[in-house]
């Protein structure tokens, strides 16, 4: 029996939150490989969401929105910690040639549609930090379009290399925009420290598929 997986509602696709992409915003984006999450983690996230919605039911719309953003960040931490430790399911991104496809695609978009600030490719998920640039209409390239092209290209290339068909990436992604310099530093450290936190290396510099633009590391 296939495990119940509605994680799109809980984390990677925030359908209850409006997508916010202010002009010139730096965006923290996370996405994972396609596989069904275990029922236990789904139930943990689901029950937490239901309890949270009850608590804020009598708040104003503005306060509900502020509380939801903080809540989804906590949900993200729970799931990201789980993904770091999860040994089952596909780990295609631990294959150098597959990780190279994802990495090269991220670099391809740098200075074309966005400024690439930082990324870390983990065995089953990816963390990125980008700043969408302005297009010919003087508007920011939409994150949804950036991610659609990136995930579609890398999925096709990876499936071909793996001699497989079917979904490569899970639907949707998690994102939020950085609101302060301190927030930017915190997220950069979070991304760089992810393989260390997962116990894969002792120093982030030893993780092969990780990168940060020098000016942001030293600012």
C-alpha atoms as a PDB file:
ATOM      1  CA  UNK A   1       0.000   0.000   0.000  1.00  0.00           C
ATOM      2  CA  UNK A   2       1.419   3.363  -1.006  1.00  0.00           C
ATOM      3  CA  UNK A   3       2.207   5.633   1.920  1.00  0.00           C
ATOM      4  CA  UNK A   4       0.086   8.747   2.277  1.00  0.00           C
ATOM      5  CA  UNK A   5       2.066  11.774   1.139  1.00  0.00           C
ATOM      6  CA  UNK A   6       0.495  15.224   1.210  1.00  0.00           C
ATOM      7  CA  UNK A   7       3.717  17.047   1.992  1.00  0.00           C
ATOM      8  CA  UNK A   8       2.980  19.569  -0.742  1.00  0.00           C
ATOM      9  CA  UNK A   9       0.275  21.017   1.505  1.00  0.00           C
ATOM     10  CA  UNK A  10       2.542  20.978   4.522  1.00  0.00           C
ATOM     11  CA  UNK A  11       5.820  22.318   3.274  1.00  0.00           C
ATOM     12  CA  UNK A  12       7.063  22.299  -0.286  1.00  0.00           C
ATOM     13  CA  UNK A  13       4.000  23.908  -1.821  1.00  0.00           C
ATOM     14  CA  UNK A  14       2.614  26.596   0.479  1.00  0.00           C
ATOM     15  CA  UNK A  15      -0.805  26.825  -1.112  1.00  0.00           C
ATOM     16  CA  UNK A  16      -2.225  28.592   1.969  1.00  0.00           C
ATOM     17  CA  UNK A  17       0.391  31.339   1.775  1.00  0.00           C
ATOM     18  CA  UNK A  18       0.634  33.976  -0.968  1.00  0.00           C
ATOM     19  CA  UNK A  19       3.904  33.814  -2.873  1.00  0.00           C
ATOM     20  CA  UNK A  20       5.936  36.899  -2.040  1.00  0.00           C
ATOM     21  CA  UNK A  21       8.714  37.996  -4.367  1.00  0.00           C
ATOM     22  CA  UNK A  22       9.517  41.682  -3.784  1.00  0.00           C
ATOM     23  CA  UNK A  23      11.579  43.431  -6.432  1.00  0.00           C
ATOM     24  CA  UNK A  24      15.260  42.779  -5.757  1.00  0.00           C
ATOM     25  CA  UNK A  25      14.535  40.187  -3.069  1.00  0.00           C
ATOM     26  CA  UNK A  26      16.998  37.468  -2.103  1.00  0.00           C
ATOM     27  CA  UNK A  27      15.151  34.144  -1.955  1.00  0.00           C
ATOM     28  CA  UNK A  28      15.930  31.006   0.029  1.00  0.00           C
ATOM     29  CA  UNK A  29      14.665  28.021  -2.008  1.00  0.00           C
ATOM     30  CA  UNK A  30      14.550  24.329  -1.141  1.00  0.00           C
ATOM     31  CA  UNK A  31      13.386  21.298  -3.109  1.00  0.00           C
ATOM     32  CA  UNK A  32      13.732  17.539  -2.823  1.00  0.00           C
ATOM     33  CA  UNK A  33      13.718  14.337  -4.837  1.00  0.00           C
ATOM     34  CA  UNK A  34      10.422  12.602  -5.580  1.00  0.00           C
ATOM     35  CA  UNK A  35       9.558   9.910  -3.050  1.00  0.00           C
ATOM     36  CA  UNK A  36       6.779   9.243  -0.577  1.00  0.00           C
ATOM     37  CA  UNK A  37       7.571  10.416   2.914  1.00  0.00           C
ATOM     38  CA  UNK A  38       6.974   7.964   5.782  1.00  0.00           C
ATOM     39  CA  UNK A  39       3.558   8.174   7.378  1.00  0.00           C
ATOM     40  CA  UNK A  40       5.055   9.130  10.761  1.00  0.00           C
ATOM     41  CA  UNK A  41       6.633  12.394   9.556  1.00  0.00           C
ATOM     42  CA  UNK A  42       3.558  13.249   7.491  1.00  0.00           C
ATOM     43  CA  UNK A  43       1.308  12.748  10.511  1.00  0.00           C
ATOM     44  CA  UNK A  44       3.632  14.831  12.692  1.00  0.00           C
ATOM     45  CA  UNK A  45       3.531  17.740  10.272  1.00  0.00           C
ATOM     46  CA  UNK A  46      -0.171  17.357   9.583  1.00  0.00           C
ATOM     47  CA  UNK A  47      -1.196  17.264  13.245  1.00  0.00           C
ATOM     48  CA  UNK A  48       1.037  20.243  13.966  1.00  0.00           C
ATOM     49  CA  UNK A  49      -0.644  22.193  11.186  1.00  0.00           C
ATOM     50  CA  UNK A  50      -4.141  21.329  12.371  1.00  0.00           C
ATOM     51  CA  UNK A  51      -3.327  22.332  15.948  1.00  0.00           C
ATOM     52  CA  UNK A  52      -1.740  25.566  14.739  1.00  0.00           C
ATOM     53  CA  UNK A  53      -4.772  26.513  12.614  1.00  0.00           C
ATOM     54  CA  UNK A  54      -7.046  26.066  15.633  1.00  0.00           C
ATOM     55  CA  UNK A  55      -4.851  28.341  17.744  1.00  0.00           C
ATOM     56  CA  UNK A  56      -4.935  31.207  15.241  1.00  0.00           C
ATOM     57  CA  UNK A  57      -8.566  30.815  14.142  1.00  0.00           C
ATOM     58  CA  UNK A  58      -9.722  33.896  16.074  1.00  0.00           C
ATOM     59  CA  UNK A  59      -6.853  36.177  15.085  1.00  0.00           C
ATOM     60  CA  UNK A  60      -7.109  38.928  12.484  1.00  0.00           C
ATOM     61  CA  UNK A  61      -6.114  38.093   8.905  1.00  0.00           C
ATOM     62  CA  UNK A  62      -2.909  40.116   9.298  1.00  0.00           C
ATOM     63  CA  UNK A  63      -1.881  38.299  12.473  1.00  0.00           C
ATOM     64  CA  UNK A  64      -2.804  34.957  10.915  1.00  0.00           C
ATOM     65  CA  UNK A  65      -0.473  35.648   8.017  1.00  0.00           C
ATOM     66  CA  UNK A  66       2.417  36.683  10.272  1.00  0.00           C
ATOM     67  CA  UNK A  67       1.959  33.594  12.433  1.00  0.00           C
ATOM     68  CA  UNK A  68       1.731  31.317   9.388  1.00  0.00           C
ATOM     69  CA  UNK A  69       5.105  32.422   8.042  1.00  0.00           C
ATOM     70  CA  UNK A  70       6.764  31.667  11.378  1.00  0.00           C
ATOM     71  CA  UNK A  71       4.931  28.347  11.602  1.00  0.00           C
ATOM     72  CA  UNK A  72       5.997  27.211   8.144  1.00  0.00           C
ATOM     73  CA  UNK A  73       9.607  27.999   9.002  1.00  0.00           C
ATOM     74  CA  UNK A  74       9.290  25.630  11.965  1.00  0.00           C
ATOM     75  CA  UNK A  75       7.703  22.997   9.697  1.00  0.00           C
ATOM     76  CA  UNK A  76      10.636  23.444   7.332  1.00  0.00           C
ATOM     77  CA  UNK A  77      13.141  22.822  10.123  1.00  0.00           C
ATOM     78  CA  UNK A  78      11.367  19.610  11.115  1.00  0.00           C
ATOM     79  CA  UNK A  79      11.277  18.217   7.587  1.00  0.00           C
ATOM     80  CA  UNK A  80      14.768  19.359   6.650  1.00  0.00           C
ATOM     81  CA  UNK A  81      16.199  17.659   9.725  1.00  0.00           C
ATOM     82  CA  UNK A  82      14.304  14.516   8.737  1.00  0.00           C
ATOM     83  CA  UNK A  83      15.633  14.593   5.166  1.00  0.00           C
ATOM     84  CA  UNK A  84      19.196  14.940   6.446  1.00  0.00           C
ATOM     85  CA  UNK A  85      18.821  11.715   8.420  1.00  0.00           C
ATOM     86  CA  UNK A  86      16.570   9.697   6.087  1.00  0.00           C
ATOM     87  CA  UNK A  87      18.451   6.697   4.699  1.00  0.00           C
ATOM     88  CA  UNK A  88      15.631   5.192   2.635  1.00  0.00           C
ATOM     89  CA  UNK A  89      14.305   6.522  -0.648  1.00  0.00           C
ATOM     90  CA  UNK A  90      16.439   7.703  -3.561  1.00  0.00           C
ATOM     91  CA  UNK A  91      19.755   9.459  -2.981  1.00  0.00           C
ATOM     92  CA  UNK A  92      20.497  10.179  -6.620  1.00  0.00           C
ATOM     93  CA  UNK A  93      22.094  13.510  -5.756  1.00  0.00           C
ATOM     94  CA  UNK A  94      24.908  11.662  -3.988  1.00  0.00           C
ATOM     95  CA  UNK A  95      26.044  10.486  -7.438  1.00  0.00           C
ATOM     96  CA  UNK A  96      28.622  13.028  -8.614  1.00  0.00           C
ATOM     97  CA  UNK A  97      27.440  13.077 -12.230  1.00  0.00           C
ATOM     98  CA  UNK A  98      23.841  13.750 -11.146  1.00  0.00           C
ATOM     99  CA  UNK A  99      24.869  16.441  -8.666  1.00  0.00           C
ATOM    100  CA  UNK A 100      26.998  17.995 -11.428  1.00  0.00           C
ATOM    101  CA  UNK A 101      23.891  18.301 -13.628  1.00  0.00           C
ATOM    102  CA  UNK A 102      22.063  20.205 -10.901  1.00  0.00           C
ATOM    103  CA  UNK A 103      25.097  22.325 -10.073  1.00  0.00           C
ATOM    104  CA  UNK A 104      25.788  23.221 -13.704  1.00  0.00           C
ATOM    105  CA  UNK A 105      22.149  24.204 -14.192  1.00  0.00           C
ATOM    106  CA  UNK A 106      22.288  26.519 -11.171  1.00  0.00           C
ATOM    107  CA  UNK A 107      25.466  28.138 -12.508  1.00  0.00           C
ATOM    108  CA  UNK A 108      23.919  28.455 -15.979  1.00  0.00           C
ATOM    109  CA  UNK A 109      21.204  30.765 -14.676  1.00  0.00           C
ATOM    110  CA  UNK A 110      23.668  32.921 -12.739  1.00  0.00           C
ATOM    111  CA  UNK A 111      23.782  36.478 -14.116  1.00  0.00           C
ATOM    112  CA  UNK A 112      21.173  35.535 -16.734  1.00  0.00           C
ATOM    113  CA  UNK A 113      17.979  35.283 -14.708  1.00  0.00           C
ATOM    114  CA  UNK A 114      19.313  35.592 -11.182  1.00  0.00           C
ATOM    115  CA  UNK A 115      22.391  36.158  -9.095  1.00  0.00           C
ATOM    116  CA  UNK A 116      23.426  32.853  -7.549  1.00  0.00           C
ATOM    117  CA  UNK A 117      24.583  33.482  -3.993  1.00  0.00           C
ATOM    118  CA  UNK A 118      24.888  30.067  -2.387  1.00  0.00           C
ATOM    119  CA  UNK A 119      23.813  26.442  -2.773  1.00  0.00           C
ATOM    120  CA  UNK A 120      24.262  23.030  -1.210  1.00  0.00           C
ATOM    121  CA  UNK A 121      23.285  19.798  -2.960  1.00  0.00           C
ATOM    122  CA  UNK A 122      22.477  17.151  -0.375  1.00  0.00           C
ATOM    123  CA  UNK A 123      21.875  13.454  -1.227  1.00  0.00           C
ATOM    124  CA  UNK A 124      18.079  13.884  -1.486  1.00  0.00           C
ATOM    125  CA  UNK A 125      17.401  17.636  -1.475  1.00  0.00           C
ATOM    126  CA  UNK A 126      18.850  21.007  -2.470  1.00  0.00           C
ATOM    127  CA  UNK A 127      19.234  24.376  -0.733  1.00  0.00           C
ATOM    128  CA  UNK A 128      19.744  27.479  -2.864  1.00  0.00           C
ATOM    129  CA  UNK A 129      19.949  31.221  -2.285  1.00  0.00           C
ATOM    130  CA  UNK A 130      19.295  33.430  -5.312  1.00  0.00           C
ATOM    131  CA  UNK A 131      18.434  37.018  -6.208  1.00  0.00           C
ATOM    132  CA  UNK A 132      16.224  37.175  -9.345  1.00  0.00           C
ATOM    133  CA  UNK A 133      17.361  39.815 -11.835  1.00  0.00           C
ATOM    134  CA  UNK A 134      15.199  42.198 -13.859  1.00  0.00           C
ATOM    135  CA  UNK A 135      13.968  41.059 -17.278  1.00  0.00           C
ATOM    136  CA  UNK A 136      13.393  43.121 -20.438  1.00  0.00           C
ATOM    137  CA  UNK A 137      10.113  44.390 -18.963  1.00  0.00           C
ATOM    138  CA  UNK A 138      11.985  45.729 -15.939  1.00  0.00           C
ATOM    139  CA  UNK A 139      10.347  43.132 -13.710  1.00  0.00           C
ATOM    140  CA  UNK A 140      11.997  40.403 -11.669  1.00  0.00           C
ATOM    141  CA  UNK A 141      12.223  37.001 -13.302  1.00  0.00           C
ATOM    142  CA  UNK A 142       9.497  34.976 -11.556  1.00  0.00           C
ATOM    143  CA  UNK A 143      10.827  32.350  -9.200  1.00  0.00           C
ATOM    144  CA  UNK A 144       8.143  29.944 -10.409  1.00  0.00           C
ATOM    145  CA  UNK A 145       9.523  30.135 -13.960  1.00  0.00           C
ATOM    146  CA  UNK A 146      13.139  29.877 -12.810  1.00  0.00           C
ATOM    147  CA  UNK A 147      12.335  26.738 -10.848  1.00  0.00           C
ATOM    148  CA  UNK A 148      10.172  25.226 -13.591  1.00  0.00           C
ATOM    149  CA  UNK A 149      12.988  25.417 -16.132  1.00  0.00           C
ATOM    150  CA  UNK A 150      15.680  24.304 -13.700  1.00  0.00           C
ATOM    151  CA  UNK A 151      13.752  21.301 -12.399  1.00  0.00           C
ATOM    152  CA  UNK A 152      12.524  20.260 -15.841  1.00  0.00           C
ATOM    153  CA  UNK A 153      15.996  20.370 -17.426  1.00  0.00           C
ATOM    154  CA  UNK A 154      17.770  18.632 -14.559  1.00  0.00           C
ATOM    155  CA  UNK A 155      15.049  15.979 -14.263  1.00  0.00           C
ATOM    156  CA  UNK A 156      15.300  15.095 -17.967  1.00  0.00           C
ATOM    157  CA  UNK A 157      19.091  15.010 -17.936  1.00  0.00           C
ATOM    158  CA  UNK A 158      19.266  13.012 -14.700  1.00  0.00           C
ATOM    159  CA  UNK A 159      16.653  10.460 -15.754  1.00  0.00           C
ATOM    160  CA  UNK A 160      18.500   9.905 -19.015  1.00  0.00           C
ATOM    161  CA  UNK A 161      21.764   9.322 -17.174  1.00  0.00           C
ATOM    162  CA  UNK A 162      20.057   7.000 -14.685  1.00  0.00           C
ATOM    163  CA  UNK A 163      18.241   5.126 -17.481  1.00  0.00           C
ATOM    164  CA  UNK A 164      14.906   5.657 -15.754  1.00  0.00           C
ATOM    165  CA  UNK A 165      11.556   7.373 -16.324  1.00  0.00           C
ATOM    166  CA  UNK A 166       9.081   9.019 -13.994  1.00  0.00           C
ATOM    167  CA  UNK A 167       9.226  11.905 -11.565  1.00  0.00           C
ATOM    168  CA  UNK A 168      12.683  12.971 -10.476  1.00  0.00           C
ATOM    169  CA  UNK A 169      11.790  15.959  -8.275  1.00  0.00           C
ATOM    170  CA  UNK A 170       8.916  16.209  -5.825  1.00  0.00           C
ATOM    171  CA  UNK A 171       6.295  18.729  -6.892  1.00  0.00           C
ATOM    172  CA  UNK A 172       6.638  22.269  -5.619  1.00  0.00           C
ATOM    173  CA  UNK A 173       9.337  23.822  -3.455  1.00  0.00           C
ATOM    174  CA  UNK A 174       9.697  25.835  -0.270  1.00  0.00           C
ATOM    175  CA  UNK A 175      10.816  29.444  -0.413  1.00  0.00           C
ATOM    176  CA  UNK A 176      10.872  32.676   1.522  1.00  0.00           C
ATOM    177  CA  UNK A 177      12.606  35.981   1.017  1.00  0.00           C
ATOM    178  CA  UNK A 178      15.386  37.325   3.205  1.00  0.00           C
ATOM    179  CA  UNK A 179      14.375  40.469   5.069  1.00  0.00           C
ATOM    180  CA  UNK A 180      17.647  41.615   6.678  1.00  0.00           C
ATOM    181  CA  UNK A 181      21.436  41.404   6.518  1.00  0.00           C
ATOM    182  CA  UNK A 182      21.447  39.303   9.679  1.00  0.00           C
ATOM    183  CA  UNK A 183      18.883  37.002   8.097  1.00  0.00           C
ATOM    184  CA  UNK A 184      21.088  36.663   5.026  1.00  0.00           C
ATOM    185  CA  UNK A 185      24.116  35.702   7.121  1.00  0.00           C
ATOM    186  CA  UNK A 186      22.042  33.217   9.094  1.00  0.00           C
ATOM    187  CA  UNK A 187      20.742  31.480   5.943  1.00  0.00           C
ATOM    188  CA  UNK A 188      24.174  31.341   4.309  1.00  0.00           C
ATOM    189  CA  UNK A 189      25.545  29.682   7.438  1.00  0.00           C
ATOM    190  CA  UNK A 190      22.565  27.323   7.508  1.00  0.00           C
ATOM    191  CA  UNK A 191      23.158  26.235   3.902  1.00  0.00           C
ATOM    192  CA  UNK A 192      26.915  25.815   4.333  1.00  0.00           C
ATOM    193  CA  UNK A 193      26.515  23.937   7.599  1.00  0.00           C
ATOM    194  CA  UNK A 194      23.879  21.493   6.291  1.00  0.00           C
ATOM    195  CA  UNK A 195      26.250  18.612   5.411  1.00  0.00           C
ATOM    196  CA  UNK A 196      28.034  19.113   8.739  1.00  0.00           C
ATOM    197  CA  UNK A 197      24.731  19.022  10.619  1.00  0.00           C
ATOM    198  CA  UNK A 198      23.800  15.842   8.743  1.00  0.00           C
ATOM    199  CA  UNK A 199      27.067  14.210   9.843  1.00  0.00           C
ATOM    200  CA  UNK A 200      28.383  13.840   6.288  1.00  0.00           C
ATOM    201  CA  UNK A 201      31.553  15.913   6.804  1.00  0.00           C
ATOM    202  CA  UNK A 202      33.299  17.689   9.674  1.00  0.00           C
ATOM    203  CA  UNK A 203      33.990  20.880   7.736  1.00  0.00           C
ATOM    204  CA  UNK A 204      31.661  22.368   5.112  1.00  0.00           C
ATOM    205  CA  UNK A 205      34.645  22.944   2.820  1.00  0.00           C
ATOM    206  CA  UNK A 206      34.963  19.178   2.486  1.00  0.00           C
ATOM    207  CA  UNK A 207      31.515  18.876   0.866  1.00  0.00           C
ATOM    208  CA  UNK A 208      31.987  18.768  -2.905  1.00  0.00           C
ATOM    209  CA  UNK A 209      28.686  20.147  -4.164  1.00  0.00           C
ATOM    210  CA  UNK A 210      28.499  23.317  -2.110  1.00  0.00           C
ATOM    211  CA  UNK A 211      29.314  26.876  -3.117  1.00  0.00           C
ATOM    212  CA  UNK A 212      28.992  30.470  -1.892  1.00  0.00           C
ATOM    213  CA  UNK A 213      29.880  33.659  -3.715  1.00  0.00           C
ATOM    214  CA  UNK A 214      32.947  35.201  -2.067  1.00  0.00           C
ATOM    215  CA  UNK A 215      31.514  38.689  -1.590  1.00  0.00           C
ATOM    216  CA  UNK A 216      28.663  37.294   0.519  1.00  0.00           C
ATOM    217  CA  UNK A 217      30.922  35.090   2.590  1.00  0.00           C
ATOM    218  CA  UNK A 218      33.183  37.994   3.479  1.00  0.00           C
ATOM    219  CA  UNK A 219      30.649  40.824   3.813  1.00  0.00           C
END
